[in-house]
C-alpha cells in the first residue's frame, strides 16, 4: 500500500522522488545565483545610469559650450576684468540662503511631528546635501532624509514627505518667477525672437497649434491613466509618490505659523536673486546693464538670468554644471552681451558657488562625525 501511494505521488516510485530532489538541490543554487547576478547587474546599471547620465550631460554641455566660444577670450576676461569682492559677497549670500533653507526645513519637520534639531544641525542637513549633489546628483536629498530620520528617531517616510514638500515649494516659486520674468522681460524676448534665426525657430514652434493640442492630450492621458488604471502596479507606485508629495506639501497649510514658512521661502529666493544681481557688479559688461534705466538698472536682466538658471536646474547634472552655464549665457545674450561674456560670467559664478558649497560640505562632514561619536559615547555610558 505504501509503495502504491509512493507510485501515485511520483510515477517512477521512490527512486524518482529521490532523483527529482537531487536535481532540485543541484539546480536550485545555480538558479539562485543566476537570479542574484541578474539583480546585481540591474542594480549596477541602474545606479550607474543615475550618476553617469548627469555626469555625461555636464561634460557634454561644457565641451559644447567651449567649442562654440573662444576659451582663451573667456580666460582673458576672468583674469583681467573681474572684481572678486562682489564674488565673495555672492558666496556669503549662498551660505546664508542655505542656512535659511535649513531653518525652514526644520520648521516643516516640527510641523510633521519630528522633534526639534539644534540650529547648526539644520544648517548641516542642507550644506551636506548640496555638497553631495555636486558629485552624485540626488544623493544629497537621500542623505539628508536618512540623517534626520536616524538622528531624530523619526519615520523615514515622514521625513521624505517633508523633503518632497520642501522641493514642491521651490517648484511653485520657480513657476511664479518664470511667469513674472516672461511678463517683465517680454520686449527683450520678443526682440530676440524676431532678430535671430534661432529665436524665429522658437517662435514658429510655440505658435504651432499642434504643440498645444499635443500637450493637452498628454495631460488628459496622464490624468486618465492615474484615475482609471489604479490597479496597475506602476500606476499604484506613481499615485503613491504623488500622494506623498501632497502629504509633504500640505503640512505647510496645516502648520501653526504657516506665514513664517512663507516668509522664510521668500527670504531664500531673495538671497538667490541677489546672488545673481550682485555678480553683475563684478564684471564690466554686466555693470553696463546696471547703469541702464531702460533695464530697470539691471533688475530685469538679473531676474531673467536668475529664472533661466533656476529652470535649468531641472536638467539632471552635477550641481547644475553645464545646463546652468548654458542657460545663464543664453539669458545674458538677450540683453546684448556676447556669448564669450556670458560664458565668462557663468563660469566664474558657478565655480565660486561650488567652492562655497564644498567648504560648507566639509564642515558638515566634520560636524556629523564629531557629534556622531559623542552620541555613541553617550549611549555606551547609559548602557553601562
Protein backbone atom coordinates (compact mmCIF):
# COMPACT_ATOMS: atom_id res chain seq x y z
CA UNK A 1 0.00 0.00 0.00
CA UNK A 2 2.81 2.37 0.93
CA UNK A 3 4.62 1.57 -2.30
CA UNK A 4 1.45 2.19 -4.30
CA UNK A 5 0.95 5.55 -2.69
CA UNK A 6 4.57 6.41 -3.46
CA UNK A 7 3.99 5.46 -7.05
CA UNK A 8 0.94 7.73 -7.16
CA UNK A 9 2.95 10.63 -5.88
CA UNK A 10 5.76 10.02 -8.32
CA UNK A 11 5.31 7.82 -11.38
CA UNK A 12 8.82 6.48 -11.08
CA UNK A 13 8.36 5.40 -7.44
CA UNK A 14 10.63 6.33 -4.54
CA UNK A 15 13.74 6.39 -6.68
CA UNK A 16 12.30 9.09 -8.92
CA UNK A 17 11.39 11.20 -5.90
CA UNK A 18 14.95 10.95 -4.75
CA UNK A 19 16.21 11.77 -8.21
CA UNK A 20 13.95 14.80 -8.52
CA UNK A 21 15.01 16.11 -5.11
CA UNK A 22 18.64 15.62 -6.10
CA UNK A 23 18.07 17.53 -9.31
CA UNK A 24 16.38 20.36 -7.37
CA UNK A 25 19.26 20.55 -4.94
CA UNK A 26 21.65 20.59 -7.90
CA UNK A 27 19.85 23.26 -9.96
CA UNK A 28 18.41 25.48 -7.20
CA UNK A 29 21.73 27.08 -6.21
CA UNK A 30 22.53 27.76 -9.87
CA UNK A 31 19.09 29.32 -10.36
CA UNK A 32 19.50 31.44 -7.24
CA UNK A 33 22.97 32.53 -8.32
CA UNK A 34 21.65 33.40 -11.78
CA UNK A 35 18.79 35.45 -10.28
CA UNK A 36 21.14 37.22 -7.86
CA UNK A 37 23.61 38.01 -10.63
CA UNK A 38 20.80 39.41 -12.81
CA UNK A 39 19.55 41.56 -9.92
CA UNK A 40 23.10 42.74 -9.24
CA UNK A 41 23.62 43.69 -12.88
CA UNK A 42 20.28 45.56 -12.96
CA UNK A 43 21.12 47.39 -9.74
CA UNK A 44 24.62 48.24 -11.01
CA UNK A 45 23.29 49.51 -14.33
CA UNK A 46 20.51 51.49 -12.63
CA UNK A 47 22.92 53.12 -10.18
CA UNK A 48 25.47 53.70 -12.91
CA UNK A 49 22.95 55.39 -15.16
CA UNK A 50 21.71 57.57 -12.29
CA UNK A 51 25.19 59.01 -11.84
CA UNK A 52 26.77 58.62 -15.29
CA UNK A 53 23.95 60.26 -17.25
CA UNK A 54 24.09 63.57 -15.29
CA UNK A 55 27.90 63.49 -15.47
CA UNK A 56 27.72 62.89 -19.22
CA UNK A 57 25.27 65.79 -19.63
CA UNK A 58 27.53 68.13 -17.62
CA UNK A 59 30.69 67.19 -19.51
CA UNK A 60 28.94 67.17 -22.91
CA UNK A 61 27.37 70.62 -22.47
CA UNK A 62 30.58 72.19 -21.13
CA UNK A 63 32.58 70.77 -24.06
CA UNK A 64 29.92 72.01 -26.49
CA UNK A 65 29.92 75.44 -24.85
CA UNK A 66 33.69 75.85 -25.14
CA UNK A 67 33.56 74.53 -28.69
CA UNK A 68 31.23 77.42 -29.54
CA UNK A 69 33.13 80.17 -27.70
CA UNK A 70 36.82 81.06 -27.57
CA UNK A 71 38.26 79.56 -24.37
CA UNK A 72 41.23 81.96 -24.32
CA UNK A 73 38.95 85.01 -24.57
CA UNK A 74 36.88 83.70 -21.65
CA UNK A 75 40.03 83.22 -19.56
CA UNK A 76 41.27 86.71 -20.51
CA UNK A 77 38.01 88.27 -19.22
CA UNK A 78 38.27 86.28 -15.99
CA UNK A 79 41.90 87.26 -15.36
CA UNK A 80 41.59 90.94 -16.25
CA UNK A 81 38.04 92.14 -15.71
CA UNK A 82 36.55 90.66 -12.52
CA UNK A 83 36.08 92.44 -9.19
CA UNK A 84 36.22 89.42 -6.89
CA UNK A 85 34.94 91.27 -3.81
CA UNK A 86 31.46 91.08 -5.31
CA UNK A 87 32.00 87.38 -5.89
CA UNK A 88 32.92 86.96 -2.22
CA UNK A 89 29.68 88.75 -1.25
CA UNK A 90 27.80 86.31 -3.50
CA UNK A 91 29.47 83.36 -1.75
CA UNK A 92 28.39 84.64 1.66
CA UNK A 93 24.82 85.04 0.36
CA UNK A 94 24.97 81.46 -0.93
CA UNK A 95 25.84 80.24 2.56
CA UNK A 96 23.13 82.41 4.13
CA UNK A 97 20.45 81.13 1.73
CA UNK A 98 21.31 77.53 2.65
CA UNK A 99 21.17 78.37 6.35
CA UNK A 100 17.68 79.86 5.93
CA UNK A 101 16.65 76.77 3.93
CA UNK A 102 17.82 74.57 6.81
CA UNK A 103 15.78 76.60 9.30
CA UNK A 104 12.73 76.41 7.04
CA UNK A 105 13.03 72.63 6.68
CA UNK A 106 13.40 72.27 10.45
CA UNK A 107 10.19 74.27 10.84
CA UNK A 108 8.46 71.91 8.40
CA UNK A 109 9.82 68.81 10.18
CA UNK A 110 8.45 70.01 13.52
CA UNK A 111 5.05 70.59 11.91
CA UNK A 112 5.14 66.93 10.82
CA UNK A 113 5.70 65.82 14.44
CA UNK A 114 9.51 65.41 14.41
CA UNK A 115 11.35 66.79 17.41
CA UNK A 116 13.46 69.90 17.07
CA UNK A 117 17.09 69.68 15.92
CA UNK A 118 19.88 72.01 17.05
CA UNK A 119 20.10 75.05 14.77
CA UNK A 120 23.56 74.10 13.45
CA UNK A 121 22.25 70.64 12.59
CA UNK A 122 19.50 72.22 10.49
CA UNK A 123 22.17 74.07 8.52
CA UNK A 124 24.30 70.93 8.20
CA UNK A 125 21.47 68.97 6.57
CA UNK A 126 21.47 71.46 3.67
CA UNK A 127 25.23 72.01 3.46
CA UNK A 128 25.90 68.28 3.33
CA UNK A 129 23.12 67.62 0.83
CA UNK A 130 24.26 70.33 -1.61
CA UNK A 131 27.89 69.18 -1.41
CA UNK A 132 26.91 65.58 -2.18
CA UNK A 133 24.72 66.73 -5.08
CA UNK A 134 27.79 68.27 -6.71
CA UNK A 135 29.32 64.78 -7.00
CA UNK A 136 26.31 62.44 -7.04
CA UNK A 137 23.07 64.13 -8.15
CA UNK A 138 20.08 63.44 -5.87
CA UNK A 139 22.23 61.54 -3.35
CA UNK A 140 22.23 64.62 -1.16
CA UNK A 141 18.44 64.54 -0.82
CA UNK A 142 18.55 60.87 0.19
CA UNK A 143 21.37 61.50 2.67
CA UNK A 144 19.66 64.36 4.49
CA UNK A 145 16.43 62.37 4.87
CA UNK A 146 18.28 59.34 6.28
CA UNK A 147 20.41 61.57 8.53
CA UNK A 148 17.38 63.30 10.08
CA UNK A 149 15.47 60.03 10.37
CA UNK A 150 18.30 58.40 12.34
CA UNK A 151 19.24 61.40 14.47
CA UNK A 152 15.68 62.26 15.42
CA UNK A 153 14.39 58.63 15.54
CA UNK A 154 11.67 59.63 13.06
CA UNK A 155 9.91 57.55 10.36
CA UNK A 156 11.85 57.85 7.13
CA UNK A 157 8.67 58.11 5.05
CA UNK A 158 7.59 61.19 7.05
CA UNK A 159 10.96 62.87 6.55
CA UNK A 160 10.89 62.08 2.81
CA UNK A 161 7.40 63.58 2.61
CA UNK A 162 8.61 66.86 4.13
CA UNK A 163 11.61 66.87 1.77
CA UNK A 164 9.31 66.47 -1.23
CA UNK A 165 7.12 69.25 0.16
CA UNK A 166 10.23 71.40 0.54
CA UNK A 167 11.04 70.87 -3.15
CA UNK A 168 7.38 71.41 -4.04
CA UNK A 169 7.61 74.90 -2.54
CA UNK A 170 10.62 75.57 -4.77
CA UNK A 171 8.69 74.41 -7.83
CA UNK A 172 5.86 76.84 -7.04
CA UNK A 173 8.37 79.70 -6.68
CA UNK A 174 10.16 78.84 -9.93
CA UNK A 175 6.87 78.77 -11.86
CA UNK A 176 5.76 82.10 -10.35
CA UNK A 177 9.12 83.71 -11.12
CA UNK A 178 9.09 82.32 -14.66
CA UNK A 179 5.70 83.90 -15.31
CA UNK A 180 6.96 87.19 -13.81
CA UNK A 181 10.13 87.12 -15.93
CA UNK A 182 8.18 86.42 -19.13
CA UNK A 183 5.91 89.36 -18.33
CA UNK A 184 8.60 91.85 -17.30
CA UNK A 185 11.12 90.90 -19.99
CA UNK A 186 8.55 90.46 -22.77
CA UNK A 187 10.00 93.21 -25.04
CA UNK A 188 13.53 91.74 -24.82
CA UNK A 189 12.27 88.23 -25.50
CA UNK A 190 10.23 89.37 -28.49
CA UNK A 191 13.19 91.28 -29.87
CA UNK A 192 15.30 88.15 -29.61
CA UNK A 193 12.60 86.02 -31.27
CA UNK A 194 12.43 88.33 -34.28
CA UNK A 195 16.09 89.29 -34.54
CA UNK A 196 17.84 85.91 -34.52
CA UNK A 197 17.16 82.79 -36.61
CA UNK A 198 17.19 80.57 -33.52
CA UNK A 199 14.61 82.87 -31.92
CA UNK A 200 12.41 82.74 -35.03
CA UNK A 201 12.53 78.94 -34.91
CA UNK A 202 11.36 79.00 -31.27
CA UNK A 203 8.59 81.45 -32.20
CA UNK A 204 7.42 79.15 -35.02
CA UNK A 205 7.37 76.13 -32.73
CA UNK A 206 5.41 77.88 -29.94
CA UNK A 207 2.94 79.29 -32.48
CA UNK A 208 2.14 75.81 -33.79
CA UNK A 209 -1.36 74.81 -32.53
CA UNK A 210 -0.46 71.11 -32.74
CA UNK A 211 2.12 71.64 -29.98
CA UNK A 212 -0.55 72.86 -27.54
CA UNK A 213 -3.05 70.23 -28.67
CA UNK A 214 -0.40 67.58 -28.09
CA UNK A 215 0.36 68.92 -24.61
CA UNK A 216 -3.37 68.93 -23.80
CA UNK A 217 -3.73 65.33 -24.98
CA UNK A 218 -0.67 64.31 -22.92
CA UNK A 219 -2.07 65.91 -19.74
CA UNK A 220 -5.50 64.35 -20.32
CA UNK A 221 -3.88 60.96 -20.97
CA UNK A 222 -1.81 61.21 -17.79
CA UNK A 223 -4.92 62.04 -15.73
CA UNK A 224 -6.87 59.17 -17.34
CA UNK A 225 -4.14 56.64 -16.54
CA UNK A 226 -3.84 57.79 -12.93
CA UNK A 227 -7.63 57.81 -12.45
CA UNK A 228 -8.87 54.70 -14.30
CA UNK A 229 -5.88 52.32 -14.08
CA UNK A 230 -5.24 52.45 -10.35
CA UNK A 231 -4.79 48.66 -10.07
CA UNK A 232 -1.74 48.57 -12.38
CA UNK A 233 1.42 48.24 -10.29
CA UNK A 234 3.41 51.14 -11.78
CA UNK A 235 0.33 53.40 -11.63
CA UNK A 236 -0.07 52.48 -7.95
CA UNK A 237 3.54 53.48 -7.31
CA UNK A 238 3.05 56.71 -9.23
CA UNK A 239 -0.09 57.56 -7.25
CA UNK A 240 1.71 56.75 -4.00
CA UNK A 241 4.53 59.13 -4.92
CA UNK A 242 2.07 61.85 -5.90
CA UNK A 243 0.18 61.36 -2.62
CA UNK A 244 3.45 61.55 -0.72
CA UNK A 245 4.28 64.81 -2.48
CA UNK A 246 0.90 66.21 -1.49
CA UNK A 247 1.20 64.96 2.11
CA UNK A 248 4.58 66.65 2.45
CA UNK A 249 3.34 69.82 0.80
CA UNK A 250 0.04 70.20 2.68
CA UNK A 251 1.89 70.34 6.01
CA UNK A 252 2.61 73.94 5.04
CA UNK A 253 -1.10 74.77 5.24
CA UNK A 254 -1.75 72.90 8.49
CA UNK A 255 1.24 74.19 10.50
CA UNK A 256 0.55 76.78 13.19
CA UNK A 257 2.84 79.51 11.86
CA UNK A 258 2.41 78.94 8.13
CA UNK A 259 3.11 82.62 7.48
CA UNK A 260 6.62 82.18 8.89
CA UNK A 261 7.25 79.38 6.40
CA UNK A 262 6.20 81.69 3.56
CA UNK A 263 8.47 84.50 4.87
CA UNK A 264 11.41 82.09 5.01
CA UNK A 265 10.61 80.91 1.47
CA UNK A 266 10.70 84.48 0.14
CA UNK A 267 13.92 85.11 2.10
CA UNK A 268 15.58 82.09 0.43
CA UNK A 269 14.61 83.16 -3.06
CA UNK A 270 15.51 86.79 -2.40
CA UNK A 271 19.01 85.60 -1.48
CA UNK A 272 19.13 83.52 -4.66
CA UNK A 273 18.17 86.52 -6.77
CA UNK A 274 20.66 88.82 -5.04
CA UNK A 275 23.43 86.28 -5.69
CA UNK A 276 22.84 86.80 -9.41
CA UNK A 277 22.38 90.56 -9.19
CA UNK A 278 25.45 91.22 -7.01
CA UNK A 279 27.64 89.40 -9.53
CA UNK A 280 26.55 91.96 -12.15
CA UNK A 281 28.77 94.45 -10.28
CA UNK A 282 31.77 92.13 -10.67
CA UNK A 283 32.04 92.32 -14.49
CA UNK A 284 32.43 95.46 -16.66
CA UNK A 285 29.92 94.25 -19.28
CA UNK A 286 27.18 93.48 -16.73
CA UNK A 287 27.82 96.78 -14.92
CA UNK A 288 26.60 98.45 -18.11
CA UNK A 289 23.22 96.74 -17.58
CA UNK A 290 23.05 98.14 -14.04
CA UNK A 291 23.60 101.70 -15.29
CA UNK A 292 20.84 101.44 -17.92
CA UNK A 293 17.47 102.86 -16.70
CA UNK A 294 15.68 101.12 -19.61
CA UNK A 295 16.58 97.82 -17.98
CA UNK A 296 15.46 98.94 -14.52
CA UNK A 297 19.12 99.36 -13.53
CA UNK A 298 19.88 95.71 -14.12
CA UNK A 299 16.93 94.34 -12.15
CA UNK A 300 15.17 92.94 -15.25
CA UNK A 301 18.29 91.23 -16.72
CA UNK A 302 19.07 89.93 -13.24
CA UNK A 303 15.59 88.43 -12.97
CA UNK A 304 15.78 86.80 -16.40
CA UNK A 305 19.26 85.35 -15.81
CA UNK A 306 18.19 84.11 -12.37
CA UNK A 307 15.00 82.45 -13.66
CA UNK A 308 16.69 80.83 -16.67
CA UNK A 309 19.34 79.44 -14.34
CA UNK A 310 16.72 78.17 -11.86
CA UNK A 311 14.74 76.39 -14.58
CA UNK A 312 17.91 74.73 -15.92
CA UNK A 313 18.49 73.04 -12.54
CA UNK A 314 15.68 70.65 -13.54
CA UNK A 315 18.07 69.08 -16.08
CA UNK A 316 19.99 66.20 -14.42
CA UNK A 317 23.59 67.30 -13.93
CA UNK A 318 26.28 67.68 -11.28
CA UNK A 319 25.16 70.73 -9.33
CA UNK A 320 23.82 72.41 -12.46
CA UNK A 321 27.21 72.32 -14.22
CA UNK A 322 26.57 72.59 -17.95
CA UNK A 323 22.82 73.29 -18.13
CA UNK A 324 23.10 76.24 -15.72
CA UNK A 325 26.10 77.74 -17.55
CA UNK A 326 24.37 77.41 -20.90
CA UNK A 327 21.08 78.90 -19.63
CA UNK A 328 22.83 81.87 -18.00
CA UNK A 329 24.94 82.53 -21.10
CA UNK A 330 21.84 82.40 -23.29
CA UNK A 331 19.90 84.74 -20.94
CA UNK A 332 22.67 87.33 -20.99
CA UNK A 333 22.76 87.34 -24.80
CA UNK A 334 19.13 88.52 -24.72
CA UNK A 335 20.45 91.83 -23.40
CA UNK A 336 23.16 92.36 -25.99
CA UNK A 337 26.10 90.60 -24.33
CA UNK A 338 28.30 88.27 -26.35
CA UNK A 339 28.38 84.53 -25.78
CA UNK A 340 32.02 84.87 -24.60
CA UNK A 341 31.00 87.41 -21.93
CA UNK A 342 28.02 85.29 -20.88
CA UNK A 343 30.22 82.21 -20.61
CA UNK A 344 32.82 84.07 -18.51
CA UNK A 345 30.09 85.25 -16.13
CA UNK A 346 28.60 81.74 -15.78
CA UNK A 347 31.98 80.04 -15.26
CA UNK A 348 33.11 82.43 -12.51
CA UNK A 349 29.79 82.47 -10.65
CA UNK A 350 29.27 78.69 -10.79
CA UNK A 351 32.87 77.93 -9.79
CA UNK A 352 32.87 80.17 -6.72
CA UNK A 353 29.44 78.97 -5.64
CA UNK A 354 30.75 75.41 -5.90
CA UNK A 355 33.77 76.36 -3.76
CA UNK A 356 31.47 77.70 -1.03
CA UNK A 357 29.27 74.60 -1.21
CA UNK A 358 32.32 72.30 -0.92
CA UNK A 359 33.64 74.27 2.08
CA UNK A 360 30.27 74.04 3.82
CA UNK A 361 30.10 70.34 2.92
CA UNK A 362 33.45 69.69 4.61
CA UNK A 363 32.18 71.46 7.74
CA UNK A 364 29.02 69.31 7.59
CA UNK A 365 31.08 66.10 7.31
CA UNK A 366 33.23 67.08 10.31
CA UNK A 367 30.13 68.00 12.34
CA UNK A 368 28.40 64.70 11.58
CA UNK A 369 31.49 62.65 12.54
CA UNK A 370 32.15 64.56 15.79
CA UNK A 371 28.55 64.64 17.00
CA UNK A 372 28.05 61.02 15.90
CA UNK A 373 30.96 59.90 18.11
CA UNK A 374 29.58 61.90 21.04
CA UNK A 375 26.16 60.29 20.61
CA UNK A 376 27.71 56.80 20.60
CA UNK A 377 29.66 57.57 23.78
CA UNK A 378 26.53 58.84 25.49
CA UNK A 379 24.66 55.62 24.56
CA UNK A 380 27.56 53.44 25.81
CA UNK A 381 27.74 55.30 29.14
CA UNK A 382 23.96 54.96 29.59
CA UNK A 383 24.11 51.19 28.98
CA UNK A 384 26.98 50.77 31.43
